C-alpha cells in the first residue's frame, strides 16, 4: 500500500513537471512569435498551434486525454517540450530567420521521438 502511494506520488510529480515544461514552452513560443513578427511574419500567432500540434502528432498523443496514469506519454511530452523550447531559444540567440528556427524545432522534435523509441540491445 505504501509502495503504491509512493508510485502515485511519483506519477503526479511527473505530470506536474510536464505541465511546468508546457508553460515554459508556451512562454518561449510567445517570445518566438514576437521575434517572427519583428522579422515581418504576418501569421506568427499560428506558431502556438503549429508547435503544439507538431509535438502532439509526433508523440502520438493527439487523441488521448492525459492524466497522471499515462507515464510513458508524460515522460515523452515532457522531453519534447524541452527539446522544442531549447531549439527556439538557440535559434533566437543566433538570430536565425524565424522560418529556419521553426524547421529546426521540427527536426529536433522528430529526432527526439526517434531516439526515445529506439530499444536498447540486450
Protein backbone atom coordinates (compact mmCIF):
# COMPACT_ATOMS: atom_id res chain seq x y z
CA UNK A 1 0.00 0.00 0.00
CA UNK A 2 2.81 2.41 0.90
CA UNK A 3 4.66 1.46 -2.28
CA UNK A 4 1.55 2.17 -4.39
CA UNK A 5 1.14 5.53 -2.68
CA UNK A 6 4.76 6.37 -3.49
CA UNK A 7 4.23 5.41 -7.15
CA UNK A 8 1.10 7.56 -7.35
CA UNK A 9 3.02 10.49 -5.87
CA UNK A 10 5.83 9.97 -8.38
CA UNK A 11 3.35 9.91 -11.28
CA UNK A 12 1.76 13.14 -10.01
CA UNK A 13 5.21 14.75 -9.85
CA UNK A 14 5.96 13.72 -13.45
CA UNK A 15 2.60 15.11 -14.55
CA UNK A 16 3.27 18.37 -12.71
CA UNK A 17 6.76 18.61 -14.26
CA UNK A 18 5.27 18.06 -17.71
CA UNK A 19 2.78 20.87 -17.13
CA UNK A 20 5.62 23.16 -15.98
CA UNK A 21 7.58 22.33 -19.15
CA UNK A 22 4.47 23.10 -21.22
CA UNK A 23 4.13 26.51 -19.51
CA UNK A 24 7.81 27.22 -20.18
CA UNK A 25 7.33 26.23 -23.83
CA UNK A 26 4.29 28.50 -24.14
CA UNK A 27 6.30 31.39 -22.75
CA UNK A 28 9.10 30.70 -25.23
CA UNK A 29 6.61 30.47 -28.10
CA UNK A 30 5.28 33.88 -27.05
CA UNK A 31 8.81 35.29 -27.34
CA UNK A 32 9.27 33.47 -30.66
CA UNK A 33 6.01 34.91 -32.02
CA UNK A 34 7.25 38.42 -31.26
CA UNK A 35 10.61 37.52 -32.83
CA UNK A 36 8.85 36.31 -36.00
CA UNK A 37 6.63 39.39 -36.15
CA UNK A 38 9.72 41.58 -35.83
CA UNK A 39 11.08 39.78 -38.89
CA UNK A 40 7.92 40.50 -40.86
CA UNK A 41 5.74 37.44 -40.27
CA UNK A 42 2.06 38.30 -40.63
CA UNK A 43 0.82 34.97 -39.25
CA UNK A 44 3.22 34.42 -36.37
CA UNK A 45 0.40 33.65 -33.91
CA UNK A 46 -0.11 30.36 -35.76
CA UNK A 47 3.11 29.08 -34.22
CA UNK A 48 1.29 28.39 -30.94
CA UNK A 49 -0.94 25.90 -32.72
CA UNK A 50 1.69 24.61 -35.14
CA UNK A 51 4.28 23.76 -32.50
CA UNK A 52 1.79 22.18 -30.11
CA UNK A 53 0.18 20.20 -32.93
CA UNK A 54 3.63 19.04 -34.07
CA UNK A 55 4.53 17.80 -30.60
CA UNK A 56 1.21 16.03 -30.10
CA UNK A 57 1.32 14.40 -33.54
CA UNK A 58 4.93 13.27 -33.26
CA UNK A 59 4.38 11.89 -29.76
CA UNK A 60 1.21 10.06 -30.78
CA UNK A 61 -0.84 11.72 -28.04
CA UNK A 62 -3.24 13.60 -30.32
CA UNK A 63 -6.45 11.84 -29.29
CA UNK A 64 -5.95 10.94 -25.65
CA UNK A 65 -6.67 12.93 -22.55
CA UNK A 66 -3.54 12.85 -20.43
CA UNK A 67 -3.66 12.10 -16.76
CA UNK A 68 -1.00 11.06 -14.32
CA UNK A 69 -1.64 7.44 -15.37
CA UNK A 70 -0.02 7.85 -18.81
CA UNK A 71 3.54 7.90 -17.50
CA UNK A 72 5.27 6.99 -20.80
CA UNK A 73 3.36 9.65 -22.72
CA UNK A 74 4.02 12.19 -19.98
CA UNK A 75 7.75 11.48 -19.98
CA UNK A 76 7.90 11.83 -23.77
CA UNK A 77 5.89 15.06 -23.82
CA UNK A 78 7.99 16.49 -21.00
CA UNK A 79 11.10 15.84 -23.07
CA UNK A 80 9.61 17.15 -26.33
CA UNK A 81 8.54 20.40 -24.69
CA UNK A 82 12.11 20.88 -23.50
CA UNK A 83 13.59 19.99 -26.90
CA UNK A 84 11.30 22.39 -28.79
CA UNK A 85 11.96 25.18 -26.30
CA UNK A 86 15.72 24.68 -26.49
CA UNK A 87 15.66 24.74 -30.32
CA UNK A 88 13.72 28.01 -30.34
CA UNK A 89 15.94 29.67 -27.75
CA UNK A 90 19.09 28.55 -29.57
CA UNK A 91 17.80 29.83 -32.91
CA UNK A 92 16.81 33.20 -31.49
CA UNK A 93 20.14 33.56 -29.70
CA UNK A 94 21.87 33.02 -33.05
CA UNK A 95 19.47 35.47 -34.78
CA UNK A 96 18.38 32.86 -37.31
CA UNK A 97 15.39 33.61 -39.56
CA UNK A 98 12.15 32.55 -37.87
CA UNK A 99 11.28 30.07 -40.64
CA UNK A 100 14.63 28.36 -40.17
CA UNK A 101 14.06 28.17 -36.42
CA UNK A 102 10.69 26.51 -36.94
CA UNK A 103 12.27 23.94 -39.28
CA UNK A 104 14.91 23.28 -36.62
CA UNK A 105 12.19 22.77 -34.00
CA UNK A 106 10.52 20.19 -36.25
CA UNK A 107 13.82 18.43 -36.88
CA UNK A 108 14.78 18.29 -33.19
CA UNK A 109 11.34 17.09 -32.07
CA UNK A 110 11.36 14.30 -34.66
CA UNK A 111 14.89 13.33 -33.69
CA UNK A 112 13.90 13.17 -30.01
CA UNK A 113 10.89 10.97 -30.80
CA UNK A 114 13.04 8.63 -32.90
CA UNK A 115 15.66 8.31 -30.18
CA UNK A 116 13.04 7.69 -27.49
CA UNK A 117 11.51 4.85 -29.50
CA UNK A 118 14.79 3.04 -30.06
CA UNK A 119 15.04 -0.08 -27.96
CA UNK A 120 18.38 -0.86 -26.32
CA UNK A 121 20.06 -4.05 -27.47
CA UNK A 122 20.08 -6.77 -24.85
